[in-house]
Structures are given as C-alpha cells and as structure tokens.
Amino acid sequence: MAMSFFDQFASPSYLGIPLIAIAIALPWVLFPTPSPRWLNNRLVTAQGWLISRITNQLMLPINLGGHKWALLLASLMVFLMTINMLGLLPYTFTPTTQLSLNMGFAVPLWLATVIIGMRNQPTIALGHLLPEGTPVPLIPVLIIIETISLFIRPLALGVRLTANLTAGHLLIQLIATAVFVLLPMMPTIAILTATVLFLLTLLEVAVAIIQAYVFVLLLSLYLQENV
C-alpha cells in the first residue's frame, strides 16, 4: 500500500508510448485565443489583464535590457501554473512532479542569465563571487563558496518545485485514503477528515499558483543580477 502512493508520479504510457508529451502540450490547447474583434469576451480580457499585471510586477526591478525576457517569463509562468492546477484534478498526471522536467526548465534559463552577464558585464558578473571588503585570507574560501552557491541555483529551482508539488499530492492521497477507511467505521471522524481534505485541496491550489510564480520570480532575480 505504501508503494502504491507513489504510482501517481510514474510517467503514464499507452502501448509503450509515453504520454508525458500530451500532458505537457495540453495546457496550451486550453488557453483562449484573442479574437480579431475590437471587444473580447470576459475570459480573454481577464486573462490578458492578469498576465499584464504579473509581467509588470516581474519586470519592474529589471532595466530595459532585460525586458526582452518578458514574453518568455510570462509564458513560462502561465504554463507552469496551468500544469500544476490541472494535476490536482482526479485521474490526471502532473509533469512538474518530475525532477527531470523541472531541471530541463531551470538549467537552460539559469545558464542563459549567466552567459548574458558574462558577455555584457564580465567584471560585475565575476565580482559577485567576491564580496567587497573581504579579508585577504578568506578570498579563496569565499570564491569557492560563492561558486558552489551559483551552481546550486538551478538545482534549488527544480527541487523546490518538485518537492512542494510532490508533498502536496502525497498528503492529499494519504488523507483521502484515511477518509475511505474511516467512513464505514467512524463516520463523524471521516466527515471531519474530509473537511480537512477540502481545505488542504484549496491550499494546494494556492501552492500550485505560488510555486509557479516563485519559479519565474527567482529567474527574474537572476536575470536582474546579470543585465
């Protein structure tokens, strides 16, 4: 029984063909497309307003050179947010619970910010490895520590997103299993547990949105350091 809890994180396949590509492509099909009319419907208007507000918030501390990333970061945030929320539906698969997928997003984007910093302002980019006013005996140690912390950034991005979503899905499944077990024996306790499950599901919806925003926010902060 304990092992079956982790079956939900296995990549689904049909006739030996992995279906993770469909799970990744599905969110793009659900997004409403703007119409050529002057006035859009409420859904498209709300979507455009929300994306515009979040993009402005992300790009606020970044200078004009980094605003080229606005479309990429906004698209990534909406994509991650949709995948995370679709994964809360019954009988669905959440691709962002796979560390390999999250690292596939984190490593190239982090590496792009580092390359931009080394190309545009190499002195400032390398200066982040050694804080100003460091005593001479501590210079080699601090350079090693800052270099390690720099290379840990993409790992932290991927692991944070994977761990939060995985923990939430496991907790929901554990409490749901407890509800089904307690229902014939102790209905009152089962109802109370189901209430906790409902509140936890609402919390997981918030976590799905927040984690997508935090992922993109940290990428924008890394971009800010290098632009």
C-alpha atoms as a PDB file:
ATOM      1  CA  MET A   1       0.000   0.000   0.000  1.00  0.00           C
ATOM      2  CA  ALA A   2       2.832   2.358   0.851  1.00  0.00           C
ATOM      3  CA  MET A   3       4.419   1.833  -2.559  1.00  0.00           C
ATOM      4  CA  SER A   4       1.153   2.477  -4.427  1.00  0.00           C
ATOM      5  CA  PHE A   5       1.114   6.045  -3.121  1.00  0.00           C
ATOM      6  CA  PHE A   6       3.984   6.822  -5.480  1.00  0.00           C
ATOM      7  CA  ASP A   7       2.361   5.296  -8.545  1.00  0.00           C
ATOM      8  CA  GLN A   8       0.741   8.646  -9.317  1.00  0.00           C
ATOM      9  CA  PHE A   9       4.185  10.105 -10.030  1.00  0.00           C
ATOM     10  CA  ALA A  10       5.076   7.473 -12.647  1.00  0.00           C
ATOM     11  CA  SER A  11       5.033   8.786 -16.203  1.00  0.00           C
ATOM     12  CA  PRO A  12       1.934   7.328 -17.915  1.00  0.00           C
ATOM     13  CA  SER A  13       2.256   5.342 -21.120  1.00  0.00           C
ATOM     14  CA  TYR A  14      -0.103   3.712 -23.621  1.00  0.00           C
ATOM     15  CA  LEU A  15       1.079   0.779 -25.731  1.00  0.00           C
ATOM     16  CA  GLY A  16       4.605   1.577 -24.631  1.00  0.00           C
ATOM     17  CA  ILE A  17       4.335   5.212 -25.800  1.00  0.00           C
ATOM     18  CA  PRO A  18       4.955   7.794 -23.047  1.00  0.00           C
ATOM     19  CA  LEU A  19       2.084  10.243 -22.696  1.00  0.00           C
ATOM     20  CA  ILE A  20       4.022  12.966 -20.904  1.00  0.00           C
ATOM     21  CA  ALA A  21       4.261  14.912 -24.188  1.00  0.00           C
ATOM     22  CA  ILE A  22       0.460  15.115 -24.318  1.00  0.00           C
ATOM     23  CA  ALA A  23       0.336  16.184 -20.672  1.00  0.00           C
ATOM     24  CA  ILE A  24       2.814  18.982 -21.432  1.00  0.00           C
ATOM     25  CA  ALA A  25       1.058  20.121 -24.616  1.00  0.00           C
ATOM     26  CA  LEU A  26      -2.474  20.036 -23.149  1.00  0.00           C
ATOM     27  CA  PRO A  27      -2.332  23.403 -21.279  1.00  0.00           C
ATOM     28  CA  TRP A  28      -1.661  25.313 -24.487  1.00  0.00           C
ATOM     29  CA  VAL A  29      -4.870  23.929 -26.002  1.00  0.00           C
ATOM     30  CA  LEU A  30      -6.938  25.243 -23.082  1.00  0.00           C
ATOM     31  CA  PHE A  31      -5.823  28.869 -23.345  1.00  0.00           C
ATOM     32  CA  PRO A  32      -8.382  31.114 -25.053  1.00  0.00           C
ATOM     33  CA  THR A  33      -7.060  32.893 -28.115  1.00  0.00           C
ATOM     34  CA  PRO A  34      -7.811  36.597 -28.639  1.00  0.00           C
ATOM     35  CA  SER A  35     -10.394  37.273 -31.330  1.00  0.00           C
ATOM     36  CA  PRO A  36      -9.952  39.821 -34.154  1.00  0.00           C
ATOM     37  CA  ARG A  37     -12.901  41.808 -32.790  1.00  0.00           C
ATOM     38  CA  TRP A  38     -12.446  45.106 -31.014  1.00  0.00           C
ATOM     39  CA  LEU A  39     -14.087  43.810 -27.838  1.00  0.00           C
ATOM     40  CA  ASN A  40     -13.022  40.460 -26.357  1.00  0.00           C
ATOM     41  CA  ASN A  41     -15.086  38.277 -24.072  1.00  0.00           C
ATOM     42  CA  ARG A  42     -14.654  38.398 -20.306  1.00  0.00           C
ATOM     43  CA  LEU A  43     -12.353  35.356 -20.133  1.00  0.00           C
ATOM     44  CA  VAL A  44      -9.825  36.687 -22.648  1.00  0.00           C
ATOM     45  CA  THR A  45      -9.965  40.155 -21.060  1.00  0.00           C
ATOM     46  CA  ALA A  46      -9.360  38.760 -17.562  1.00  0.00           C
ATOM     47  CA  GLN A  47      -6.532  36.573 -18.835  1.00  0.00           C
ATOM     48  CA  GLY A  48      -4.834  39.490 -20.585  1.00  0.00           C
ATOM     49  CA  TRP A  49      -5.225  41.754 -17.544  1.00  0.00           C
ATOM     50  CA  LEU A  50      -3.778  39.122 -15.166  1.00  0.00           C
ATOM     51  CA  ILE A  51      -0.807  38.326 -17.398  1.00  0.00           C
ATOM     52  CA  SER A  52      -0.123  42.038 -17.900  1.00  0.00           C
ATOM     53  CA  ARG A  53      -0.169  42.769 -14.163  1.00  0.00           C
ATOM     54  CA  ILE A  54       2.120  39.847 -13.292  1.00  0.00           C
ATOM     55  CA  THR A  55       4.528  40.668 -16.119  1.00  0.00           C
ATOM     56  CA  ASN A  56       4.755  44.291 -14.983  1.00  0.00           C
ATOM     57  CA  GLN A  57       5.487  43.096 -11.456  1.00  0.00           C
ATOM     58  CA  LEU A  58       8.257  40.783 -12.678  1.00  0.00           C
ATOM     59  CA  MET A  59       9.871  43.359 -14.973  1.00  0.00           C
ATOM     60  CA  LEU A  60       9.654  46.272 -12.512  1.00  0.00           C
ATOM     61  CA  PRO A  61      13.141  45.890 -10.933  1.00  0.00           C
ATOM     62  CA  ILE A  62      14.817  44.954 -14.246  1.00  0.00           C
ATOM     63  CA  ASN A  63      16.238  47.565 -16.603  1.00  0.00           C
ATOM     64  CA  LEU A  64      15.113  47.895 -20.212  1.00  0.00           C
ATOM     65  CA  GLY A  65      17.690  45.412 -21.485  1.00  0.00           C
ATOM     66  CA  GLY A  66      16.021  42.602 -19.570  1.00  0.00           C
ATOM     67  CA  HIS A  67      12.523  43.382 -20.808  1.00  0.00           C
ATOM     68  CA  LYS A  68      13.216  41.143 -23.805  1.00  0.00           C
ATOM     69  CA  TRP A  69      12.581  38.247 -21.421  1.00  0.00           C
ATOM     70  CA  ALA A  70       9.057  39.411 -20.558  1.00  0.00           C
ATOM     71  CA  LEU A  71       7.283  37.177 -23.062  1.00  0.00           C
ATOM     72  CA  LEU A  72       9.368  34.125 -22.135  1.00  0.00           C
ATOM     73  CA  LEU A  73       8.922  34.528 -18.375  1.00  0.00           C
ATOM     74  CA  ALA A  74       5.197  35.286 -18.611  1.00  0.00           C
ATOM     75  CA  SER A  75       4.613  32.281 -20.886  1.00  0.00           C
ATOM     76  CA  LEU A  76       6.610  30.016 -18.572  1.00  0.00           C
ATOM     77  CA  MET A  77       4.673  31.167 -15.513  1.00  0.00           C
ATOM     78  CA  VAL A  78       1.269  30.640 -17.152  1.00  0.00           C
ATOM     79  CA  PHE A  79       2.422  27.244 -18.441  1.00  0.00           C
ATOM     80  CA  LEU A  80       3.664  26.046 -15.041  1.00  0.00           C
ATOM     81  CA  MET A  81       0.620  27.433 -13.274  1.00  0.00           C
ATOM     82  CA  THR A  82      -1.755  25.608 -15.617  1.00  0.00           C
ATOM     83  CA  ILE A  83       0.118  22.310 -15.406  1.00  0.00           C
ATOM     84  CA  ASN A  84       0.221  22.478 -11.608  1.00  0.00           C
ATOM     85  CA  MET A  85      -3.513  23.174 -11.326  1.00  0.00           C
ATOM     86  CA  LEU A  86      -4.509  20.538 -13.884  1.00  0.00           C
ATOM     87  CA  GLY A  87      -2.534  18.000 -11.872  1.00  0.00           C
ATOM     88  CA  LEU A  88      -4.942  18.478  -8.953  1.00  0.00           C
ATOM     89  CA  LEU A  89      -7.827  17.035 -10.980  1.00  0.00           C
ATOM     90  CA  PRO A  90      -8.636  13.335 -10.413  1.00  0.00           C
ATOM     91  CA  TYR A  91      -7.037  10.795 -12.746  1.00  0.00           C
ATOM     92  CA  THR A  92      -4.529  13.269 -14.113  1.00  0.00           C
ATOM     93  CA  PHE A  93      -0.746  13.362 -14.251  1.00  0.00           C
ATOM     94  CA  THR A  94       1.370  16.311 -13.109  1.00  0.00           C
ATOM     95  CA  PRO A  95       4.534  16.597 -15.256  1.00  0.00           C
ATOM     96  CA  THR A  96       6.069  19.126 -12.854  1.00  0.00           C
ATOM     97  CA  THR A  97       6.409  16.421 -10.191  1.00  0.00           C
ATOM     98  CA  GLN A  98       9.229  15.040 -12.361  1.00  0.00           C
ATOM     99  CA  LEU A  99      12.587  16.489 -11.347  1.00  0.00           C
ATOM    100  CA  SER A 100      13.986  15.934 -14.838  1.00  0.00           C
ATOM    101  CA  LEU A 101      11.354  18.217 -16.403  1.00  0.00           C
ATOM    102  CA  ASN A 102      11.861  20.966 -13.830  1.00  0.00           C
ATOM    103  CA  MET A 103      15.618  20.792 -14.256  1.00  0.00           C
ATOM    104  CA  GLY A 104      15.077  20.987 -18.000  1.00  0.00           C
ATOM    105  CA  PHE A 105      13.382  24.332 -17.429  1.00  0.00           C
ATOM    106  CA  ALA A 106      15.731  25.607 -14.719  1.00  0.00           C
ATOM    107  CA  VAL A 107      19.198  24.784 -16.084  1.00  0.00           C
ATOM    108  CA  PRO A 108      18.965  26.345 -19.584  1.00  0.00           C
ATOM    109  CA  LEU A 109      17.275  29.532 -18.340  1.00  0.00           C
ATOM    110  CA  TRP A 110      19.714  29.947 -15.445  1.00  0.00           C
ATOM    111  CA  LEU A 111      22.636  29.276 -17.789  1.00  0.00           C
ATOM    112  CA  ALA A 112      21.284  31.881 -20.214  1.00  0.00           C
ATOM    113  CA  THR A 113      21.256  34.529 -17.466  1.00  0.00           C
ATOM    114  CA  VAL A 114      24.850  33.651 -16.522  1.00  0.00           C
ATOM    115  CA  ILE A 115      26.035  33.788 -20.138  1.00  0.00           C
ATOM    116  CA  ILE A 116      24.324  37.165 -20.630  1.00  0.00           C
ATOM    117  CA  GLY A 117      26.068  38.521 -17.537  1.00  0.00           C
ATOM    118  CA  MET A 118      29.477  37.214 -18.616  1.00  0.00           C
ATOM    119  CA  ARG A 119      29.019  38.676 -22.105  1.00  0.00           C
ATOM    120  CA  ASN A 120      27.609  42.102 -21.221  1.00  0.00           C
ATOM    121  CA  GLN A 121      29.373  42.892 -17.944  1.00  0.00           C
ATOM    122  CA  PRO A 122      32.023  40.275 -17.106  1.00  0.00           C
ATOM    123  CA  THR A 123      33.633  42.362 -14.361  1.00  0.00           C
ATOM    124  CA  ILE A 124      30.400  42.802 -12.422  1.00  0.00           C
ATOM    125  CA  ALA A 125      29.364  39.181 -13.025  1.00  0.00           C
ATOM    126  CA  LEU A 126      32.650  37.885 -11.643  1.00  0.00           C
ATOM    127  CA  GLY A 127      32.514  40.448  -8.851  1.00  0.00           C
ATOM    128  CA  HIS A 128      29.503  38.634  -7.392  1.00  0.00           C
ATOM    129  CA  LEU A 129      31.877  35.791  -6.495  1.00  0.00           C
ATOM    130  CA  LEU A 130      33.848  38.012  -4.114  1.00  0.00           C
ATOM    131  CA  PRO A 131      32.042  40.492  -1.820  1.00  0.00           C
ATOM    132  CA  GLU A 132      33.662  43.886  -1.405  1.00  0.00           C
ATOM    133  CA  GLY A 133      35.886  44.324   1.648  1.00  0.00           C
ATOM    134  CA  THR A 134      36.658  40.610   2.081  1.00  0.00           C
ATOM    135  CA  PRO A 135      39.818  39.929   4.137  1.00  0.00           C
ATOM    136  CA  VAL A 136      42.665  38.535   2.034  1.00  0.00           C
ATOM    137  CA  PRO A 137      42.912  35.156   3.874  1.00  0.00           C
ATOM    138  CA  LEU A 138      39.209  34.486   3.212  1.00  0.00           C
ATOM    139  CA  ILE A 139      39.304  35.274  -0.514  1.00  0.00           C
ATOM    140  CA  PRO A 140      39.925  31.683  -1.775  1.00  0.00           C
ATOM    141  CA  VAL A 141      37.313  30.220   0.588  1.00  0.00           C
ATOM    142  CA  LEU A 142      34.650  32.784  -0.317  1.00  0.00           C
ATOM    143  CA  ILE A 143      35.256  32.353  -4.051  1.00  0.00           C
ATOM    144  CA  ILE A 144      34.712  28.597  -3.689  1.00  0.00           C
ATOM    145  CA  ILE A 145      31.575  29.093  -1.571  1.00  0.00           C
ATOM    146  CA  GLU A 146      30.062  31.669  -3.946  1.00  0.00           C
ATOM    147  CA  THR A 147      30.851  29.478  -6.961  1.00  0.00           C
ATOM    148  CA  ILE A 148      29.133  26.500  -5.344  1.00  0.00           C
ATOM    149  CA  SER A 149      26.115  28.644  -4.431  1.00  0.00           C
ATOM    150  CA  LEU A 150      25.963  29.894  -8.028  1.00  0.00           C
ATOM    151  CA  PHE A 151      25.837  26.360  -9.442  1.00  0.00           C
ATOM    152  CA  ILE A 152      23.298  25.248  -6.829  1.00  0.00           C
ATOM    153  CA  ARG A 153      20.742  27.804  -8.047  1.00  0.00           C
ATOM    154  CA  PRO A 154      19.213  25.707 -10.871  1.00  0.00           C
ATOM    155  CA  LEU A 155      19.133  22.649  -8.603  1.00  0.00           C
ATOM    156  CA  ALA A 156      17.296  24.653  -5.953  1.00  0.00           C
ATOM    157  CA  LEU A 157      14.781  25.871  -8.550  1.00  0.00           C
ATOM    158  CA  GLY A 158      13.978  22.364  -9.767  1.00  0.00           C
ATOM    159  CA  VAL A 159      13.982  20.669  -6.370  1.00  0.00           C
ATOM    160  CA  ARG A 160      11.793  23.368  -4.764  1.00  0.00           C
ATOM    161  CA  LEU A 161       9.066  22.993  -7.383  1.00  0.00           C
ATOM    162  CA  THR A 162       9.238  19.187  -7.393  1.00  0.00           C
ATOM    163  CA  ALA A 163       9.278  18.803  -3.612  1.00  0.00           C
ATOM    164  CA  ASN A 164       6.368  21.154  -2.927  1.00  0.00           C
ATOM    165  CA  LEU A 165       4.087  19.568  -5.519  1.00  0.00           C
ATOM    166  CA  THR A 166       5.072  16.004  -4.605  1.00  0.00           C
ATOM    167  CA  ALA A 167       4.492  16.602  -0.892  1.00  0.00           C
ATOM    168  CA  GLY A 168       1.087  18.137  -1.553  1.00  0.00           C
ATOM    169  CA  HIS A 169      -0.062  15.285  -3.796  1.00  0.00           C
ATOM    170  CA  LEU A 170       1.117  12.674  -1.294  1.00  0.00           C
ATOM    171  CA  LEU A 171      -0.633  14.421   1.582  1.00  0.00           C
ATOM    172  CA  ILE A 172      -3.902  14.657  -0.368  1.00  0.00           C
ATOM    173  CA  GLN A 173      -3.755  10.958  -1.234  1.00  0.00           C
ATOM    174  CA  LEU A 174      -2.960   9.947   2.356  1.00  0.00           C
ATOM    175  CA  ILE A 175      -5.877  11.948   3.784  1.00  0.00           C
ATOM    176  CA  ALA A 176      -8.244  10.728   1.047  1.00  0.00           C
ATOM    177  CA  THR A 177      -7.290   7.136   1.854  1.00  0.00           C
ATOM    178  CA  ALA A 178      -7.945   7.807   5.540  1.00  0.00           C
ATOM    179  CA  VAL A 179     -11.415   9.151   4.692  1.00  0.00           C
ATOM    180  CA  PHE A 180     -12.363   5.977   2.792  1.00  0.00           C
ATOM    181  CA  VAL A 181     -11.028   3.757   5.581  1.00  0.00           C
ATOM    182  CA  LEU A 182     -12.763   5.677   8.394  1.00  0.00           C
ATOM    183  CA  LEU A 183     -16.110   6.159   6.648  1.00  0.00           C
ATOM    184  CA  PRO A 184     -17.679   2.740   7.477  1.00  0.00           C
ATOM    185  CA  MET A 185     -16.202   2.625  10.996  1.00  0.00           C
ATOM    186  CA  MET A 186     -16.347   6.228  12.276  1.00  0.00           C
ATOM    187  CA  PRO A 187     -18.485   8.438  10.019  1.00  0.00           C
ATOM    188  CA  THR A 188     -18.116  11.542  12.189  1.00  0.00           C
ATOM    189  CA  ILE A 189     -14.330  11.359  12.127  1.00  0.00           C
ATOM    190  CA  ALA A 190     -14.470  10.657   8.401  1.00  0.00           C
ATOM    191  CA  ILE A 191     -16.533  13.803   7.784  1.00  0.00           C
ATOM    192  CA  LEU A 192     -14.093  15.893   9.802  1.00  0.00           C
ATOM    193  CA  THR A 193     -11.208  14.364   7.854  1.00  0.00           C
ATOM    194  CA  ALA A 194     -12.999  15.113   4.575  1.00  0.00           C
ATOM    195  CA  THR A 195     -13.320  18.745   5.662  1.00  0.00           C
ATOM    196  CA  VAL A 196      -9.585  18.850   6.287  1.00  0.00           C
ATOM    197  CA  LEU A 197      -9.081  17.282   2.844  1.00  0.00           C
ATOM    198  CA  PHE A 198     -11.193  20.000   1.222  1.00  0.00           C
ATOM    199  CA  LEU A 199      -9.232  22.760   2.962  1.00  0.00           C
ATOM    200  CA  LEU A 200      -5.962  21.072   2.004  1.00  0.00           C
ATOM    201  CA  THR A 201      -7.084  20.944  -1.628  1.00  0.00           C
ATOM    202  CA  LEU A 202      -7.732  24.688  -1.568  1.00  0.00           C
ATOM    203  CA  LEU A 203      -4.287  25.165  -0.056  1.00  0.00           C
ATOM    204  CA  GLU A 204      -2.744  23.053  -2.811  1.00  0.00           C
ATOM    205  CA  VAL A 205      -4.407  25.224  -5.456  1.00  0.00           C
ATOM    206  CA  ALA A 206      -2.711  28.219  -3.853  1.00  0.00           C
ATOM    207  CA  VAL A 207       0.597  26.322  -3.676  1.00  0.00           C
ATOM    208  CA  ALA A 208       0.329  25.416  -7.380  1.00  0.00           C
ATOM    209  CA  ILE A 209      -0.048  29.098  -8.282  1.00  0.00           C
ATOM    210  CA  ILE A 210       2.563  30.379  -5.827  1.00  0.00           C
ATOM    211  CA  GLN A 211       5.228  27.846  -6.824  1.00  0.00           C
ATOM    212  CA  ALA A 212       4.888  28.759 -10.499  1.00  0.00           C
ATOM    213  CA  TYR A 213       5.223  32.436  -9.582  1.00  0.00           C
ATOM    214  CA  VAL A 214       8.222  31.814  -7.298  1.00  0.00           C
ATOM    215  CA  PHE A 215       9.988  29.783 -10.014  1.00  0.00           C
ATOM    216  CA  VAL A 216       9.690  32.633 -12.515  1.00  0.00           C
ATOM    217  CA  LEU A 217      10.369  35.315  -9.883  1.00  0.00           C
ATOM    218  CA  LEU A 218      13.705  33.740  -8.944  1.00  0.00           C
ATOM    219  CA  LEU A 219      14.649  33.511 -12.614  1.00  0.00           C
ATOM    220  CA  SER A 220      13.868  37.214 -12.986  1.00  0.00           C
ATOM    221  CA  LEU A 221      16.077  37.981  -9.960  1.00  0.00           C
ATOM    222  CA  TYR A 222      18.934  36.004 -11.511  1.00  0.00           C
ATOM    223  CA  LEU A 223      18.370  37.970 -14.711  1.00  0.00           C
ATOM    224  CA  GLN A 224      18.429  41.236 -12.773  1.00  0.00           C
ATOM    225  CA  GLU A 225      21.898  40.436 -11.420  1.00  0.00           C
ATOM    226  CA  ASN A 226      23.310  39.869 -14.891  1.00  0.00           C
ATOM    227  CA  VAL A 227      21.621  42.543 -17.022  1.00  0.00           C
END
